[in-house]
Amino acid sequence: MPQVKLRQSILEFSTYPPVGDDDWRYAFATARVRALETQMLPRATFQDMANAQSFENALDMLSAGQYAVPKGAAGFADIEEVLLQRRAEVRELFASLMIDESIVELFKSRDDFANLRLALRRALTDKPVGADYSPSGNVAPEVLEQAFAEENYAVLPGYVRRAAEAATINYYQDKDVRRIDYEIDRLQALHNIDEARRLGSIFLDGLFRTQVDLTNIRTLLRLKFTESEQIDVFLDGGFLEPAFYKHGLDLGYEAIGNLFFATPYQHLVEVGAGYLASNKSFLKTEGQCDRHLIGLLKSTAQITAGPQPIIAYLLMKEHEIRTIRLVLTAKKNSLDTRLILDRIA
């Protein structure tokens, strides 16, 4: 292995990046989310849902809590409505507790990029306009639609406008819709990291860079599995350089873990690559990436007061909602219990 790649893999922390210092402006807000964290579903609940004999039995395990489906409701659409309501509530709580409005806007931009992805796919591939845009971003869906209808991107925030223009250019290179996703992912990651540094947030910088690394690990294993020649899709901005992952494409599944020996990701990669090689599935990779990110969020417990625990609660609660949806969807479709457990373990 070239020495330059080895140096790139050595980080200044062993497991998770630092979370920063206390901010006593958030004393009340931190106490509030600490209390709410005790009401979150324990891991054992998801395991019990996965082991339930049927979809109905799994759903019954949520009947006494905030995820209970109203009596008389039928169908998965009713469950989805409850989950979307809970997500909207936690986002509203986050906005109300966050003193720094710029942080609220930063997390709302996630929906802006998601909406932009849909708008570009529809505009560039001549698909009909849908009604599934999220209303929770900084840019209202109707403003985004109007901007595309009139081809007037000037009304959009700079980060949305730049992403729209760059993704359009990349798409027309070979009219591959995947290039829309790659370019939006790239610019969203850079936007997040730039904003974290502008805000002077050590925690957000480490969080977003970790997310880039986890995305690149997923990409590395997917490229190997599909034997794809698209090696220019690794994201910039993580703790590990894109060249590091490109080097991993030349290694066998059994050797990839050793490439990450000086990083916090060695066990994650070894488990994911081993499972992929033997089961032809990314379930363990996704589960391990989730676990690592949740571990980083839980490390904010060392903060007595600050925005870090508020951010962590938002992301952990969103993860809880996604996991409920994942398990119930799997049970509804009679997916093998072992596979569900492999994904959420």
Protein backbone atom coordinates (compact mmCIF):
# COMPACT_ATOMS: atom_id res chain seq x y z
CA MET A 1 0.00 0.00 0.00
CA PRO A 2 1.46 3.40 -0.91
CA GLN A 3 2.55 5.36 2.16
CA VAL A 4 0.33 8.33 1.27
CA LYS A 5 -2.78 6.18 1.59
CA LEU A 6 -1.62 4.83 4.94
CA ARG A 7 -1.15 8.36 6.30
CA GLN A 8 -4.63 9.33 5.16
CA SER A 9 -6.15 6.55 7.27
CA ILE A 10 -4.68 7.74 10.59
CA LEU A 11 -7.11 9.89 12.54
CA GLU A 12 -6.76 11.96 15.70
CA PHE A 13 -9.52 10.07 17.53
CA SER A 14 -10.05 6.40 18.25
CA THR A 15 -13.80 5.86 17.82
CA TYR A 16 -15.78 9.07 17.43
CA PRO A 17 -14.71 12.65 16.67
CA PRO A 18 -14.95 15.23 19.49
CA VAL A 19 -18.34 16.73 20.28
CA GLY A 20 -17.20 20.17 21.41
CA ASP A 21 -17.85 22.22 24.54
CA ASP A 22 -20.87 23.07 26.68
CA ASP A 23 -23.15 25.95 25.77
CA TRP A 24 -25.23 26.95 28.80
CA ARG A 25 -27.79 28.77 26.69
CA TYR A 26 -29.16 25.28 26.03
CA ALA A 27 -29.46 24.15 29.67
CA PHE A 28 -33.27 23.87 29.61
CA ALA A 29 -33.41 22.39 26.10
CA THR A 30 -30.82 19.76 26.98
CA ALA A 31 -32.73 18.75 30.10
CA ARG A 32 -35.88 18.47 27.98
CA VAL A 33 -34.38 16.06 25.45
CA ARG A 34 -32.66 14.04 28.17
CA ALA A 35 -36.12 13.33 29.58
CA LEU A 36 -37.51 12.53 26.14
CA GLU A 37 -34.65 10.12 25.40
CA THR A 38 -35.89 7.87 28.20
CA GLN A 39 -39.14 7.40 26.26
CA MET A 40 -37.46 6.15 23.10
CA LEU A 41 -37.96 2.54 22.12
CA PRO A 42 -35.23 0.19 23.38
CA ARG A 43 -33.40 -2.06 20.95
CA ALA A 44 -35.17 -5.07 22.46
CA THR A 45 -38.51 -3.77 21.18
CA PHE A 46 -37.31 -3.89 17.58
CA GLN A 47 -35.94 -7.38 18.10
CA ASP A 48 -39.29 -8.49 19.53
CA MET A 49 -41.09 -6.94 16.57
CA ALA A 50 -38.78 -8.78 14.18
CA ASN A 51 -39.42 -12.06 16.01
CA ALA A 52 -43.20 -11.56 16.09
CA GLN A 53 -45.24 -14.28 14.42
CA SER A 54 -47.03 -11.86 12.10
CA PHE A 55 -47.26 -8.27 10.95
CA GLU A 56 -50.30 -7.76 13.19
CA ASN A 57 -48.40 -9.04 16.24
CA ALA A 58 -45.51 -6.71 15.49
CA LEU A 59 -47.88 -3.78 15.13
CA ASP A 60 -49.58 -4.64 18.44
CA MET A 61 -46.26 -4.09 20.23
CA LEU A 62 -46.60 -0.38 19.41
CA SER A 63 -50.24 -0.11 20.50
CA ALA A 64 -49.53 1.36 23.94
CA GLY A 65 -47.16 4.12 22.84
CA GLN A 66 -46.90 7.16 20.64
CA TYR A 67 -46.80 5.04 17.49
CA ALA A 68 -50.18 3.42 18.08
CA VAL A 69 -52.41 3.36 15.02
CA PRO A 70 -55.91 4.82 15.69
CA LYS A 71 -58.70 2.30 16.16
CA GLY A 72 -60.47 1.44 12.96
CA ALA A 73 -57.45 2.30 10.83
CA ALA A 74 -56.52 -0.25 8.22
CA GLY A 75 -53.65 -0.57 5.81
CA PHE A 76 -50.06 0.52 5.73
CA ALA A 77 -51.05 4.04 4.67
CA ASP A 78 -52.45 4.63 8.15
CA ILE A 79 -49.19 3.49 9.74
CA GLU A 80 -47.22 5.75 7.43
CA GLU A 81 -49.40 8.70 8.41
CA VAL A 82 -48.65 8.11 12.09
CA LEU A 83 -44.91 7.87 11.40
CA LEU A 84 -44.94 11.07 9.35
CA GLN A 85 -46.83 12.85 12.15
CA ARG A 86 -44.26 11.75 14.72
CA ARG A 87 -41.44 12.91 12.44
CA ALA A 88 -43.10 16.29 11.94
CA GLU A 89 -43.52 16.64 15.70
CA VAL A 90 -39.89 15.94 16.51
CA ARG A 91 -38.76 18.37 13.84
CA GLU A 92 -41.05 21.05 15.23
CA LEU A 93 -39.69 20.37 18.71
CA PHE A 94 -36.13 20.61 17.38
CA ALA A 95 -36.86 24.00 15.81
CA SER A 96 -38.47 25.28 19.00
CA LEU A 97 -35.55 24.22 21.21
CA MET A 98 -32.75 25.34 18.92
CA ILE A 99 -31.62 28.87 19.74
CA ASP A 100 -29.32 29.10 16.71
CA GLU A 101 -31.67 29.50 13.76
CA SER A 102 -28.84 28.78 11.30
CA ILE A 103 -28.68 25.20 12.60
CA VAL A 104 -32.41 24.78 12.04
CA GLU A 105 -32.03 26.05 8.48
CA LEU A 106 -29.10 23.68 7.92
CA PHE A 107 -31.18 20.64 8.86
CA LYS A 108 -34.15 21.88 6.85
CA SER A 109 -31.87 21.98 3.82
CA ARG A 110 -31.96 18.16 3.83
CA ASP A 111 -35.49 18.40 2.47
CA ASP A 112 -34.42 21.04 -0.05
CA PHE A 113 -31.86 18.66 -1.53
CA ALA A 114 -34.36 15.77 -1.48
CA ASN A 115 -36.97 17.90 -3.25
CA LEU A 116 -34.39 19.08 -5.76
CA ARG A 117 -33.52 15.47 -6.55
CA LEU A 118 -37.16 14.75 -7.40
CA ALA A 119 -37.60 17.98 -9.37
CA LEU A 120 -34.50 17.36 -11.50
CA ARG A 121 -35.40 13.76 -12.24
CA ARG A 122 -38.85 14.85 -13.40
CA ALA A 123 -37.65 17.83 -15.39
CA LEU A 124 -34.73 16.10 -17.12
CA THR A 125 -36.51 12.83 -17.85
CA ASP A 126 -39.89 14.37 -18.75
CA LYS A 127 -41.72 12.57 -15.98
CA PRO A 128 -45.00 14.00 -14.64
CA VAL A 129 -44.84 16.32 -11.64
CA GLY A 130 -45.78 14.53 -8.43
CA ALA A 131 -47.20 15.58 -5.10
CA ASP A 132 -44.59 13.92 -2.90
CA TYR A 133 -42.38 16.93 -2.23
CA SER A 134 -41.60 17.58 1.41
CA PRO A 135 -43.02 20.84 2.80
CA SER A 136 -40.41 20.91 5.59
CA GLY A 137 -37.50 22.52 3.74
CA ASN A 138 -36.38 26.13 3.53
CA VAL A 139 -37.80 26.32 -0.01
CA ALA A 140 -41.54 25.77 -0.43
CA PRO A 141 -42.37 23.06 -3.01
CA GLU A 142 -44.43 25.48 -5.09
CA VAL A 143 -41.46 27.87 -5.30
CA LEU A 144 -39.25 25.04 -6.49
CA GLU A 145 -41.80 23.91 -9.08
CA GLN A 146 -42.22 27.46 -10.35
CA ALA A 147 -38.47 27.90 -10.65
CA PHE A 148 -38.25 24.83 -12.87
CA ALA A 149 -41.35 25.71 -14.86
CA GLU A 150 -39.95 29.17 -15.65
CA GLU A 151 -36.30 27.98 -15.77
CA ASN A 152 -35.51 30.76 -13.31
CA TYR A 153 -33.16 29.38 -10.66
CA ALA A 154 -32.33 32.88 -9.38
CA VAL A 155 -35.24 32.69 -6.91
CA LEU A 156 -33.64 29.68 -5.17
CA PRO A 157 -31.06 29.80 -2.35
CA GLY A 158 -27.46 29.60 -3.52
CA TYR A 159 -26.87 26.02 -2.37
CA VAL A 160 -30.00 24.80 -4.21
CA ARG A 161 -29.18 26.78 -7.34
CA ARG A 162 -25.59 25.51 -7.49
CA ALA A 163 -26.71 21.92 -6.99
CA ALA A 164 -29.39 22.24 -9.69
CA GLU A 165 -26.96 23.64 -12.23
CA ALA A 166 -24.17 21.16 -11.46
CA ALA A 167 -26.48 18.12 -11.48
CA THR A 168 -28.01 19.21 -14.80
CA ILE A 169 -24.57 19.54 -16.41
CA ASN A 170 -23.50 16.13 -15.10
CA TYR A 171 -26.68 14.47 -16.30
CA TYR A 172 -26.19 15.65 -19.88
CA GLN A 173 -22.72 14.10 -20.05
CA ASP A 174 -24.31 10.74 -20.85
CA LYS A 175 -27.95 11.21 -19.75
CA ASP A 176 -27.46 8.87 -16.80
CA VAL A 177 -29.99 9.76 -14.06
CA ARG A 178 -27.61 8.39 -11.44
CA ARG A 179 -25.37 11.36 -12.08
CA ILE A 180 -28.12 13.59 -10.68
CA ASP A 181 -27.93 11.71 -7.39
CA TYR A 182 -24.12 11.66 -7.32
CA GLU A 183 -23.82 15.39 -7.87
CA ILE A 184 -26.52 16.33 -5.37
CA ASP A 185 -24.96 14.03 -2.77
CA ARG A 186 -21.56 15.63 -3.38
CA LEU A 187 -22.77 19.20 -3.09
CA GLN A 188 -25.00 18.46 -0.11
CA ALA A 189 -22.05 16.96 1.76
CA LEU A 190 -19.86 19.96 0.99
CA HIS A 191 -22.66 22.37 1.94
CA ASN A 192 -23.10 20.64 5.29
CA ILE A 193 -19.41 20.73 6.12
CA ASP A 194 -18.98 24.33 4.97
CA GLU A 195 -21.93 25.43 7.11
CA ALA A 196 -20.65 23.48 10.14
CA ARG A 197 -17.33 25.29 9.91
CA ARG A 198 -18.98 28.65 9.34
CA LEU A 199 -20.99 28.05 12.49
CA GLY A 200 -17.84 27.01 14.34
CA SER A 201 -19.41 23.70 15.40
CA ILE A 202 -16.87 20.97 16.11
CA PHE A 203 -19.68 18.48 16.59
CA LEU A 204 -21.45 19.20 13.31
CA ASP A 205 -18.15 19.11 11.42
CA GLY A 206 -17.35 15.68 12.85
CA LEU A 207 -20.91 14.44 12.30
CA PHE A 208 -21.06 15.43 8.65
CA ARG A 209 -17.56 14.15 7.89
CA THR A 210 -18.46 10.83 9.52
CA GLN A 211 -21.60 10.66 7.38
CA VAL A 212 -19.44 11.18 4.29
CA ASP A 213 -17.15 8.32 5.36
CA LEU A 214 -20.09 5.98 5.95
CA THR A 215 -21.57 6.86 2.56
CA ASN A 216 -18.21 6.17 0.90
CA ILE A 217 -17.92 2.81 2.67
CA ARG A 218 -21.34 1.82 1.31
CA THR A 219 -20.29 3.03 -2.14
CA LEU A 220 -17.02 1.08 -1.99
CA LEU A 221 -18.78 -2.20 -1.26
CA ARG A 222 -21.52 -1.58 -3.84
CA LEU A 223 -18.99 -0.78 -6.55
CA LYS A 224 -17.06 -3.97 -5.73
CA PHE A 225 -20.19 -6.09 -5.71
CA THR A 226 -21.47 -4.77 -9.04
CA GLU A 227 -17.96 -4.62 -10.53
CA SER A 228 -18.76 -1.08 -11.64
CA GLU A 229 -16.15 1.04 -13.36
CA GLN A 230 -17.57 4.31 -11.98
CA ILE A 231 -14.82 5.11 -9.50
CA ASP A 232 -15.34 8.88 -9.51
CA VAL A 233 -18.39 8.80 -7.24
CA PHE A 234 -16.73 8.91 -3.82
CA LEU A 235 -17.58 12.04 -1.84
CA ASP A 236 -15.08 14.65 -0.72
CA GLY A 237 -14.97 16.08 2.79
CA GLY A 238 -14.76 12.97 4.96
CA PHE A 239 -11.96 12.03 7.33
CA LEU A 240 -10.65 9.67 4.63
CA GLU A 241 -9.78 10.88 1.14
CA PRO A 242 -11.59 9.46 -1.94
CA ALA A 243 -8.28 7.96 -3.09
CA PHE A 244 -8.32 5.77 0.02
CA TYR A 245 -11.56 4.09 -1.05
CA LYS A 246 -10.42 3.74 -4.65
CA HIS A 247 -7.48 1.73 -3.34
CA GLY A 248 -9.97 -0.61 -1.65
CA LEU A 249 -11.53 -1.48 -5.00
CA ASP A 250 -8.38 -3.46 -5.85
CA LEU A 251 -8.59 -5.63 -2.73
CA GLY A 252 -10.55 -8.79 -2.05
CA TYR A 253 -13.43 -8.79 0.43
CA GLU A 254 -11.28 -10.53 3.03
CA ALA A 255 -8.61 -7.81 2.87
CA ILE A 256 -10.75 -4.67 2.85
CA GLY A 257 -11.10 -4.59 6.62
CA ASN A 258 -7.31 -4.45 7.05
CA LEU A 259 -7.21 -1.34 4.86
CA PHE A 260 -9.18 0.43 7.60
CA PHE A 261 -7.01 -0.87 10.46
CA ALA A 262 -6.07 2.64 11.70
CA THR A 263 -9.62 4.02 11.43
CA PRO A 264 -12.75 3.60 13.58
CA TYR A 265 -14.38 1.71 10.71
CA GLN A 266 -12.36 -1.54 10.61
CA HIS A 267 -14.93 -3.74 12.38
CA LEU A 268 -17.79 -2.15 10.45
CA VAL A 269 -16.13 -2.86 7.10
CA GLU A 270 -15.04 -6.38 8.05
CA VAL A 271 -18.57 -7.36 9.12
CA GLY A 272 -20.20 -5.73 6.10
CA ALA A 273 -17.75 -7.13 3.57
CA GLY A 274 -17.87 -10.62 5.06
CA TYR A 275 -21.66 -10.68 5.01
CA LEU A 276 -21.72 -9.34 1.47
CA ALA A 277 -19.30 -12.01 0.26
CA SER A 278 -21.24 -14.86 1.86
CA ASN A 279 -24.84 -13.65 1.51
CA LYS A 280 -24.72 -11.27 -1.49
CA SER A 281 -26.50 -8.70 0.65
CA PHE A 282 -25.80 -5.23 2.05
CA LEU A 283 -27.99 -5.71 5.15
CA LYS A 284 -25.08 -5.92 7.57
CA THR A 285 -23.31 -2.98 5.97
CA GLU A 286 -26.38 -0.79 6.40
CA GLY A 287 -26.93 -2.00 9.95
CA GLN A 288 -23.31 -1.45 10.96
CA CYS A 289 -23.27 2.04 9.46
CA ASP A 290 -26.43 2.90 11.41
CA ARG A 291 -24.91 1.56 14.61
CA HIS A 292 -21.74 3.60 14.19
CA LEU A 293 -23.67 6.81 13.57
CA ILE A 294 -25.96 6.20 16.56
CA GLY A 295 -22.86 5.63 18.68
CA LEU A 296 -21.54 9.03 17.64
CA LEU A 297 -24.87 10.66 18.50
CA LYS A 298 -24.96 8.98 21.90
CA SER A 299 -21.47 10.30 22.65
CA THR A 300 -23.10 13.70 23.15
CA ALA A 301 -24.10 12.38 26.58
CA GLN A 302 -20.82 13.90 27.81
CA ILE A 303 -22.25 17.38 27.12
CA THR A 304 -24.12 18.91 30.05
CA ALA A 305 -25.75 21.64 27.98
CA GLY A 306 -25.47 22.58 24.32
CA PRO A 307 -27.00 22.18 20.86
CA GLN A 308 -25.26 18.83 20.41
CA PRO A 309 -27.76 16.76 22.45
CA ILE A 310 -30.67 18.51 20.69
CA ILE A 311 -29.27 17.61 17.29
CA ALA A 312 -28.53 14.06 18.45
CA TYR A 313 -32.08 13.59 19.71
CA LEU A 314 -33.55 14.75 16.39
CA LEU A 315 -31.41 12.30 14.42
CA MET A 316 -31.92 9.40 16.83
CA LYS A 317 -35.67 9.92 16.82
CA GLU A 318 -35.73 10.04 13.02
CA HIS A 319 -33.71 6.82 13.01
CA GLU A 320 -36.23 5.22 15.39
CA ILE A 321 -39.07 6.16 13.03
CA ARG A 322 -37.21 4.75 10.00
CA THR A 323 -36.51 1.51 11.88
CA ILE A 324 -40.17 1.07 12.77
CA ARG A 325 -41.08 1.57 9.11
CA LEU A 326 -38.37 -0.87 8.03
CA VAL A 327 -39.41 -3.65 10.44
CA LEU A 328 -43.14 -3.30 9.77
CA THR A 329 -42.59 -3.22 6.01
CA ALA A 330 -40.47 -6.37 6.28
CA LYS A 331 -43.10 -8.15 8.41
CA LYS A 332 -45.87 -7.04 6.04
CA ASN A 333 -43.97 -8.65 3.17
CA SER A 334 -43.16 -11.79 5.19
CA LEU A 335 -39.41 -11.25 5.03
CA ASP A 336 -37.37 -13.87 6.85
CA THR A 337 -36.88 -12.96 10.51
CA ARG A 338 -33.15 -13.62 10.34
CA LEU A 339 -32.76 -11.05 7.57
CA ILE A 340 -34.65 -8.42 9.58
CA LEU A 341 -32.45 -9.07 12.61
CA ASP A 342 -29.33 -8.88 10.46
CA ARG A 343 -30.42 -5.43 9.27
CA ILE A 344 -31.26 -3.94 12.65
CA ALA A 345 -28.60 -5.72 14.75
